[in-house]
C-alpha cells in the first residue's frame, strides 16, 4: 500500500488554490448574482427572469467548480487507490 505524505509544499499549494477559489467565488460570482438580481427586479416578470438567472449562475458555478483545486483532486485519487 502506498501512503500519501502531506508535506509543507502540498499544504502551501493547497492554501494558494483555496485562496484563488475564494477570490473567484467572492468577487466574480457575487457581482454576477447582484447584477442579475437587480436586472430581474426591473422586468415585467421578475420571478421568471430570476429563475433563468439562477439556472445560468448554477452552470457558471458548476463549470468553475470542476476546475478547482487540482492538487486536492490528485491527493483524493491517490487515497481512493489505497
PDB file of N, CA and C in Angstrom:
ATOM      1  N   UNK A   1       0.840  -1.190   0.000  1.00  0.00           N
ATOM      2  CA  UNK A   1       0.000   0.000   0.000  1.00  0.00           C
ATOM      3  C   UNK A   1       0.882   1.249   0.000  1.00  0.00           C
ATOM      4  N   UNK A   2       0.517   2.181  -0.813  1.00  0.00           N
ATOM      5  CA  UNK A   2       1.273   3.421  -0.844  1.00  0.00           C
ATOM      6  C   UNK A   2       0.637   4.434   0.106  1.00  0.00           C
ATOM      7  N   UNK A   3       1.479   5.219   0.694  1.00  0.00           N
ATOM      8  CA  UNK A   3       0.999   6.239   1.630  1.00  0.00           C
ATOM      9  C   UNK A   3       0.988   7.594   0.955  1.00  0.00           C
ATOM     10  N   UNK A   4       0.075   8.410   1.384  1.00  0.00           N
ATOM     11  CA  UNK A   4       0.044   9.793   0.931  1.00  0.00           C
ATOM     12  C   UNK A   4       0.724  10.620   2.001  1.00  0.00           C
ATOM     13  N   UNK A   5       1.790  11.261   1.618  1.00  0.00           N
ATOM     14  CA  UNK A   5       2.512  12.080   2.580  1.00  0.00           C
ATOM     15  C   UNK A   5       2.139  13.536   2.364  1.00  0.00           C
ATOM     16  N   UNK A   6       1.739  14.149   3.438  1.00  0.00           N
ATOM     17  CA  UNK A   6       1.407  15.564   3.391  1.00  0.00           C
ATOM     18  C   UNK A   6       2.627  16.323   3.871  1.00  0.00           C
ATOM     19  N   UNK A   7       3.157  17.118   2.985  1.00  0.00           N
ATOM     20  CA  UNK A   7       4.308  17.920   3.373  1.00  0.00           C
ATOM     21  C   UNK A   7       3.950  19.401   3.261  1.00  0.00           C
ATOM     22  N   UNK A   8       4.855  20.233   3.670  1.00  0.00           N
ATOM     23  CA  UNK A   8       4.585  21.676   3.695  1.00  0.00           C
ATOM     24  C   UNK A   8       4.368  22.241   2.296  1.00  0.00           C
ATOM     25  N   UNK A   9       5.023  21.652   1.315  1.00  0.00           N
ATOM     26  CA  UNK A   9       4.841  22.131  -0.063  1.00  0.00           C
ATOM     27  C   UNK A   9       3.408  21.896  -0.526  1.00  0.00           C
ATOM     28  N   UNK A  10       2.877  20.705  -0.232  1.00  0.00           N
ATOM     29  CA  UNK A  10       1.487  20.415  -0.599  1.00  0.00           C
ATOM     30  C   UNK A  10       0.516  21.316   0.146  1.00  0.00           C
ATOM     31  N   UNK A  11       0.782  21.542   1.397  1.00  0.00           N
ATOM     32  CA  UNK A  11      -0.099  22.391   2.199  1.00  0.00           C
ATOM     33  C   UNK A  11      -0.094  23.823   1.673  1.00  0.00           C
ATOM     34  N   UNK A  12       1.073  24.344   1.331  1.00  0.00           N
ATOM     35  CA  UNK A  12       1.153  25.710   0.797  1.00  0.00           C
ATOM     36  C   UNK A  12       0.453  25.813  -0.553  1.00  0.00           C
ATOM     37  N   UNK A  13       0.601  24.783  -1.386  1.00  0.00           N
ATOM     38  CA  UNK A  13      -0.075  24.787  -2.678  1.00  0.00           C
ATOM     39  C   UNK A  13      -1.586  24.761  -2.493  1.00  0.00           C
ATOM     40  N   UNK A  14      -2.062  23.945  -1.562  1.00  0.00           N
ATOM     41  CA  UNK A  14      -3.495  23.900  -1.287  1.00  0.00           C
ATOM     42  C   UNK A  14      -4.015  25.234  -0.754  1.00  0.00           C
ATOM     43  N   UNK A  15      -3.243  25.868   0.113  1.00  0.00           N
ATOM     44  CA  UNK A  15      -3.650  27.183   0.639  1.00  0.00           C
ATOM     45  C   UNK A  15      -3.788  28.189  -0.490  1.00  0.00           C
ATOM     46  N   UNK A  16      -2.836  28.167  -1.415  1.00  0.00           N
ATOM     47  CA  UNK A  16      -2.880  29.092  -2.551  1.00  0.00           C
ATOM     48  C   UNK A  16      -4.098  28.801  -3.428  1.00  0.00           C
ATOM     49  N   UNK A  17      -4.368  27.521  -3.694  1.00  0.00           N
ATOM     50  CA  UNK A  17      -5.511  27.170  -4.525  1.00  0.00           C
ATOM     51  C   UNK A  17      -6.828  27.531  -3.848  1.00  0.00           C
ATOM     52  N   UNK A  18      -6.924  27.338  -2.537  1.00  0.00           N
ATOM     53  CA  UNK A  18      -8.133  27.752  -1.818  1.00  0.00           C
ATOM     54  C   UNK A  18      -8.317  29.265  -1.870  1.00  0.00           C
ATOM     55  N   UNK A  19      -7.220  30.002  -1.765  1.00  0.00           N
ATOM     56  CA  UNK A  19      -7.307  31.462  -1.847  1.00  0.00           C
ATOM     57  C   UNK A  19      -7.801  31.905  -3.215  1.00  0.00           C
ATOM     58  N   UNK A  20      -7.289  31.269  -4.260  1.00  0.00           N
ATOM     59  CA  UNK A  20      -7.738  31.608  -5.613  1.00  0.00           C
ATOM     60  C   UNK A  20      -9.205  31.261  -5.802  1.00  0.00           C
ATOM     61  N   UNK A  21      -9.638  30.129  -5.269  1.00  0.00           N
ATOM     62  CA  UNK A  21     -11.035  29.730  -5.387  1.00  0.00           C
ATOM     63  C   UNK A  21     -11.937  30.678  -4.605  1.00  0.00           C
ATOM     64  N   UNK A  22     -11.513  31.099  -3.423  1.00  0.00           N
ATOM     65  CA  UNK A  22     -12.297  32.048  -2.628  1.00  0.00           C
ATOM     66  C   UNK A  22     -12.411  33.387  -3.353  1.00  0.00           C
ATOM     67  N   UNK A  23     -11.339  33.817  -3.974  1.00  0.00           N
ATOM     68  CA  UNK A  23     -11.371  35.064  -4.742  1.00  0.00           C
ATOM     69  C   UNK A  23     -12.378  34.957  -5.880  1.00  0.00           C
ATOM     70  N   UNK A  24     -12.353  33.839  -6.578  1.00  0.00           N
ATOM     71  CA  UNK A  24     -13.290  33.620  -7.680  1.00  0.00           C
ATOM     72  C   UNK A  24     -14.728  33.691  -7.186  1.00  0.00           C
ATOM     73  N   UNK A  25     -15.010  32.960  -6.110  1.00  0.00           N
ATOM     74  CA  UNK A  25     -16.383  32.948  -5.595  1.00  0.00           C
ATOM     75  C   UNK A  25     -16.820  34.310  -5.090  1.00  0.00           C
ATOM     76  N   UNK A  26     -15.977  34.938  -4.298  1.00  0.00           N
ATOM     77  CA  UNK A  26     -16.370  36.198  -3.669  1.00  0.00           C
ATOM     78  C   UNK A  26     -16.532  37.323  -4.667  1.00  0.00           C
ATOM     79  N   UNK A  27     -15.636  37.438  -5.597  1.00  0.00           N
ATOM     80  CA  UNK A  27     -15.689  38.586  -6.493  1.00  0.00           C
ATOM     81  C   UNK A  27     -16.518  38.352  -7.740  1.00  0.00           C
ATOM     82  N   UNK A  28     -16.244  37.316  -8.443  1.00  0.00           N
ATOM     83  CA  UNK A  28     -16.915  37.097  -9.726  1.00  0.00           C
ATOM     84  C   UNK A  28     -18.375  36.694  -9.562  1.00  0.00           C
ATOM     85  N   UNK A  29     -18.620  35.686  -8.768  1.00  0.00           N
ATOM     86  CA  UNK A  29     -19.982  35.172  -8.648  1.00  0.00           C
ATOM     87  C   UNK A  29     -20.881  36.164  -7.914  1.00  0.00           C
ATOM     88  N   UNK A  30     -20.386  36.810  -6.878  1.00  0.00           N
ATOM     89  CA  UNK A  30     -21.218  37.779  -6.161  1.00  0.00           C
ATOM     90  C   UNK A  30     -21.633  38.943  -7.039  1.00  0.00           C
ATOM     91  N   UNK A  31     -20.719  39.427  -7.864  1.00  0.00           N
ATOM     92  CA  UNK A  31     -21.057  40.525  -8.765  1.00  0.00           C
ATOM     93  C   UNK A  31     -22.117  40.074  -9.765  1.00  0.00           C
ATOM     94  N   UNK A  32     -21.977  38.872 -10.296  1.00  0.00           N
ATOM     95  CA  UNK A  32     -22.979  38.345 -11.223  1.00  0.00           C
ATOM     96  C   UNK A  32     -24.340  38.194 -10.557  1.00  0.00           C
ATOM     97  N   UNK A  33     -24.353  37.645  -9.355  1.00  0.00           N
ATOM     98  CA  UNK A  33     -25.615  37.435  -8.647  1.00  0.00           C
ATOM     99  C   UNK A  33     -26.308  38.766  -8.380  1.00  0.00           C
ATOM    100  N   UNK A  34     -25.581  39.724  -7.880  1.00  0.00           N
ATOM    101  CA  UNK A  34     -26.170  41.023  -7.562  1.00  0.00           C
ATOM    102  C   UNK A  34     -26.700  41.710  -8.817  1.00  0.00           C
ATOM    103  N   UNK A  35     -25.913  41.687  -9.873  1.00  0.00           N
ATOM    104  CA  UNK A  35     -26.326  42.343 -11.115  1.00  0.00           C
ATOM    105  C   UNK A  35     -27.570  41.693 -11.708  1.00  0.00           C
ATOM    106  N   UNK A  36     -27.576  40.377 -11.759  1.00  0.00           N
ATOM    107  CA  UNK A  36     -28.732  39.688 -12.330  1.00  0.00           C
ATOM    108  C   UNK A  36     -29.975  39.825 -11.444  1.00  0.00           C
ATOM    109  N   UNK A  37     -29.791  39.886 -10.136  1.00  0.00           N
ATOM    110  CA  UNK A  37     -30.942  40.085  -9.244  1.00  0.00           C
ATOM    111  C   UNK A  37     -31.563  41.456  -9.465  1.00  0.00           C
ATOM    112  N   UNK A  38     -30.747  42.485  -9.564  1.00  0.00           N
ATOM    113  CA  UNK A  38     -31.289  43.821  -9.826  1.00  0.00           C
ATOM    114  C   UNK A  38     -31.922  43.913 -11.203  1.00  0.00           C
ATOM    115  N   UNK A  39     -31.304  43.273 -12.174  1.00  0.00           N
ATOM    116  CA  UNK A  39     -31.872  43.284 -13.525  1.00  0.00           C
ATOM    117  C   UNK A  39     -33.216  42.560 -13.551  1.00  0.00           C
ATOM    118  N   UNK A  40     -33.349  41.493 -12.795  1.00  0.00           N
ATOM    119  CA  UNK A  40     -34.613  40.750 -12.753  1.00  0.00           C
ATOM    120  C   UNK A  40     -35.728  41.577 -12.129  1.00  0.00           C
ATOM    121  N   UNK A  41     -35.394  42.366 -11.125  1.00  0.00           N
ATOM    122  CA  UNK A  41     -36.411  43.187 -10.462  1.00  0.00           C
ATOM    123  C   UNK A  41     -36.980  44.260 -11.380  1.00  0.00           C
ATOM    124  N   UNK A  42     -36.200  44.692 -12.350  1.00  0.00           N
ATOM    125  CA  UNK A  42     -36.644  45.752 -13.245  1.00  0.00           C
ATOM    126  C   UNK A  42     -37.445  45.275 -14.438  1.00  0.00           C
ATOM    127  N   UNK A  43     -37.822  44.023 -14.487  1.00  0.00           N
ATOM    128  CA  UNK A  43     -38.563  43.496 -15.631  1.00  0.00           C
ATOM    129  C   UNK A  43     -40.030  43.287 -15.273  1.00  0.00           C
ATOM    130  N   UNK A  44     -40.831  42.944 -16.285  1.00  0.00           N
ATOM    131  CA  UNK A  44     -42.258  42.724 -16.060  1.00  0.00           C
ATOM    132  C   UNK A  44     -42.538  41.407 -15.339  1.00  0.00           C
ATOM    133  N   UNK A  45     -41.660  40.428 -15.513  1.00  0.00           N
ATOM    134  CA  UNK A  45     -41.845  39.140 -14.828  1.00  0.00           C
ATOM    135  C   UNK A  45     -40.556  38.783 -14.085  1.00  0.00           C
ATOM    136  N   UNK A  46     -40.361  39.382 -12.905  1.00  0.00           N
ATOM    137  CA  UNK A  46     -39.100  39.165 -12.190  1.00  0.00           C
ATOM    138  C   UNK A  46     -38.865  37.725 -11.755  1.00  0.00           C
ATOM    139  N   UNK A  47     -39.923  36.993 -11.419  1.00  0.00           N
ATOM    140  CA  UNK A  47     -39.708  35.616 -10.954  1.00  0.00           C
ATOM    141  C   UNK A  47     -39.195  34.724 -12.091  1.00  0.00           C
ATOM    142  N   UNK A  48     -39.722  34.906 -13.282  1.00  0.00           N
ATOM    143  CA  UNK A  48     -39.254  34.117 -14.427  1.00  0.00           C
ATOM    144  C   UNK A  48     -37.811  34.454 -14.764  1.00  0.00           C
ATOM    145  N   UNK A  49     -37.511  35.725 -14.790  1.00  0.00           N
ATOM    146  CA  UNK A  49     -36.147  36.142 -15.109  1.00  0.00           C
ATOM    147  C   UNK A  49     -35.168  35.743 -14.007  1.00  0.00           C
ATOM    148  N   UNK A  50     -35.618  35.750 -12.764  1.00  0.00           N
ATOM    149  CA  UNK A  50     -34.762  35.303 -11.668  1.00  0.00           C
ATOM    150  C   UNK A  50     -34.467  33.813 -11.804  1.00  0.00           C
ATOM    151  N   UNK A  51     -35.451  33.034 -12.227  1.00  0.00           N
ATOM    152  CA  UNK A  51     -35.235  31.601 -12.436  1.00  0.00           C
ATOM    153  C   UNK A  51     -34.226  31.360 -13.556  1.00  0.00           C
ATOM    154  N   UNK A  52     -34.352  32.087 -14.641  1.00  0.00           N
ATOM    155  CA  UNK A  52     -33.389  31.975 -15.744  1.00  0.00           C
ATOM    156  C   UNK A  52     -31.995  32.363 -15.265  1.00  0.00           C
ATOM    157  N   UNK A  53     -31.904  33.424 -14.481  1.00  0.00           N
ATOM    158  CA  UNK A  53     -30.618  33.855 -13.938  1.00  0.00           C
ATOM    159  C   UNK A  53     -30.030  32.802 -13.014  1.00  0.00           C
ATOM    160  N   UNK A  54     -30.875  32.183 -12.203  1.00  0.00           N
ATOM    161  CA  UNK A  54     -30.420  31.141 -11.283  1.00  0.00           C
ATOM    162  C   UNK A  54     -29.852  29.947 -12.050  1.00  0.00           C
ATOM    163  N   UNK A  55     -30.524  29.544 -13.104  1.00  0.00           N
ATOM    164  CA  UNK A  55     -30.035  28.425 -13.916  1.00  0.00           C
ATOM    165  C   UNK A  55     -28.696  28.786 -14.554  1.00  0.00           C
ATOM    166  N   UNK A  56     -28.588  29.993 -15.075  1.00  0.00           N
ATOM    167  CA  UNK A  56     -27.332  30.447 -15.671  1.00  0.00           C
ATOM    168  C   UNK A  56     -26.205  30.458 -14.640  1.00  0.00           C
ATOM    169  N   UNK A  57     -26.466  31.007 -13.468  1.00  0.00           N
ATOM    170  CA  UNK A  57     -25.436  31.073 -12.432  1.00  0.00           C
ATOM    171  C   UNK A  57     -25.061  29.686 -11.918  1.00  0.00           C
ATOM    172  N   UNK A  58     -26.005  28.783 -11.882  1.00  0.00           N
ATOM    173  CA  UNK A  58     -25.693  27.411 -11.468  1.00  0.00           C
ATOM    174  C   UNK A  58     -24.717  26.761 -12.424  1.00  0.00           C
ATOM    175  N   UNK A  59     -24.908  26.987 -13.717  1.00  0.00           N
ATOM    176  CA  UNK A  59     -23.973  26.419 -14.694  1.00  0.00           C
ATOM    177  C   UNK A  59     -22.605  27.069 -14.588  1.00  0.00           C
ATOM    178  N   UNK A  60     -22.557  28.364 -14.315  1.00  0.00           N
ATOM    179  CA  UNK A  60     -21.267  29.052 -14.145  1.00  0.00           C
ATOM    180  C   UNK A  60     -20.531  28.492 -12.933  1.00  0.00           C
ATOM    181  N   UNK A  61     -21.227  28.334 -11.821  1.00  0.00           N
ATOM    182  CA  UNK A  61     -20.599  27.805 -10.607  1.00  0.00           C
ATOM    183  C   UNK A  61     -20.170  26.358 -10.789  1.00  0.00           C
ATOM    184  N   UNK A  62     -20.990  25.567 -11.467  1.00  0.00           N
ATOM    185  CA  UNK A  62     -20.645  24.164 -11.690  1.00  0.00           C
ATOM    186  C   UNK A  62     -19.413  24.040 -12.568  1.00  0.00           C
ATOM    187  N   UNK A  63     -19.357  24.828 -13.635  1.00  0.00           N
ATOM    188  CA  UNK A  63     -18.192  24.743 -14.518  1.00  0.00           C
ATOM    189  C   UNK A  63     -16.938  25.246 -13.820  1.00  0.00           C
ATOM    190  N   UNK A  64     -17.073  26.225 -12.961  1.00  0.00           N
ATOM    191  CA  UNK A  64     -15.922  26.711 -12.204  1.00  0.00           C
ATOM    192  C   UNK A  64     -15.457  25.734 -11.153  1.00  0.00           C
ATOM    193  N   UNK A  65     -16.398  25.007 -10.563  1.00  0.00           N
ATOM    194  CA  UNK A  65     -16.020  24.063  -9.511  1.00  0.00           C
ATOM    195  C   UNK A  65     -15.308  22.839 -10.064  1.00  0.00           C
ATOM    196  N   UNK A  66     -15.512  22.532 -11.320  1.00  0.00           N
ATOM    197  CA  UNK A  66     -14.850  21.371 -11.917  1.00  0.00           C
ATOM    198  C   UNK A  66     -13.353  21.611 -12.079  1.00  0.00           C
ATOM    199  N   UNK A  67     -12.940  22.859 -12.146  1.00  0.00           N
ATOM    200  CA  UNK A  67     -11.537  23.169 -12.378  1.00  0.00           C
ATOM    201  C   UNK A  67     -10.773  23.536 -11.113  1.00  0.00           C
ATOM    202  N   UNK A  68     -11.410  23.457  -9.969  1.00  0.00           N
ATOM    203  CA  UNK A  68     -10.761  23.922  -8.749  1.00  0.00           C
ATOM    204  C   UNK A  68      -9.853  22.863  -8.132  1.00  0.00           C
ATOM    205  N   UNK A  69      -8.869  23.306  -7.480  1.00  0.00           N
ATOM    206  CA  UNK A  69      -8.031  22.512  -6.593  1.00  0.00           C
ATOM    207  C   UNK A  69      -7.519  21.206  -7.217  1.00  0.00           C
ATOM    208  N   UNK A  70      -6.685  21.352  -8.208  1.00  0.00           N
ATOM    209  CA  UNK A  70      -6.142  20.186  -8.914  1.00  0.00           C
ATOM    210  C   UNK A  70      -5.321  19.289  -7.985  1.00  0.00           C
ATOM    211  N   UNK A  71      -4.532  19.877  -7.104  1.00  0.00           N
ATOM    212  CA  UNK A  71      -3.723  19.075  -6.188  1.00  0.00           C
ATOM    213  C   UNK A  71      -4.608  18.251  -5.256  1.00  0.00           C
ATOM    214  N   UNK A  72      -5.681  18.848  -4.784  1.00  0.00           N
ATOM    215  CA  UNK A  72      -6.599  18.133  -3.902  1.00  0.00           C
ATOM    216  C   UNK A  72      -7.239  16.945  -4.621  1.00  0.00           C
ATOM    217  N   UNK A  73      -7.572  17.128  -5.885  1.00  0.00           N
ATOM    218  CA  UNK A  73      -8.135  16.026  -6.663  1.00  0.00           C
ATOM    219  C   UNK A  73      -7.124  14.892  -6.799  1.00  0.00           C
ATOM    220  N   UNK A  74      -5.869  15.233  -7.052  1.00  0.00           N
ATOM    221  CA  UNK A  74      -4.840  14.216  -7.189  1.00  0.00           C
ATOM    222  C   UNK A  74      -4.640  13.446  -5.881  1.00  0.00           C
ATOM    223  N   UNK A  75      -4.643  14.161  -4.762  1.00  0.00           N
ATOM    224  CA  UNK A  75      -4.498  13.503  -3.475  1.00  0.00           C
ATOM    225  C   UNK A  75      -5.680  12.581  -3.180  1.00  0.00           C
ATOM    226  N   UNK A  76      -6.882  13.003  -3.543  1.00  0.00           N
ATOM    227  CA  UNK A  76      -8.054  12.162  -3.326  1.00  0.00           C
ATOM    228  C   UNK A  76      -7.989  10.897  -4.174  1.00  0.00           C
ATOM    229  N   UNK A  77      -7.520  11.019  -5.417  1.00  0.00           N
ATOM    230  CA  UNK A  77      -7.385   9.836  -6.270  1.00  0.00           C
ATOM    231  C   UNK A  77      -6.393   8.853  -5.681  1.00  0.00           C
ATOM    232  N   UNK A  78      -5.273   9.375  -5.152  1.00  0.00           N
ATOM    233  CA  UNK A  78      -4.291   8.501  -4.529  1.00  0.00           C
ATOM    234  C   UNK A  78      -4.900   7.816  -3.303  1.00  0.00           C
ATOM    235  N   UNK A  79      -5.674   8.548  -2.536  1.00  0.00           N
ATOM    236  CA  UNK A  79      -6.286   7.981  -1.336  1.00  0.00           C
ATOM    237  C   UNK A  79      -7.260   6.867  -1.697  1.00  0.00           C
ATOM    238  N   UNK A  80      -8.014   7.063  -2.763  1.00  0.00           N
ATOM    239  CA  UNK A  80      -9.005   6.063  -3.173  1.00  0.00           C
ATOM    240  C   UNK A  80      -8.356   4.797  -3.717  1.00  0.00           C
ATOM    241  N   UNK A  81      -7.140   4.891  -4.210  1.00  0.00           N
ATOM    242  CA  UNK A  81      -6.443   3.724  -4.730  1.00  0.00           C
ATOM    243  C   UNK A  81      -5.944   2.817  -3.617  1.00  0.00           C
ATOM    244  N   UNK A  82      -5.807   3.370  -2.422  1.00  0.00           N
ATOM    245  CA  UNK A  82      -5.265   2.587  -1.302  1.00  0.00           C
ATOM    246  C   UNK A  82      -6.256   1.538  -0.855  1.00  0.00           C
TER     247      UNK A  82
END
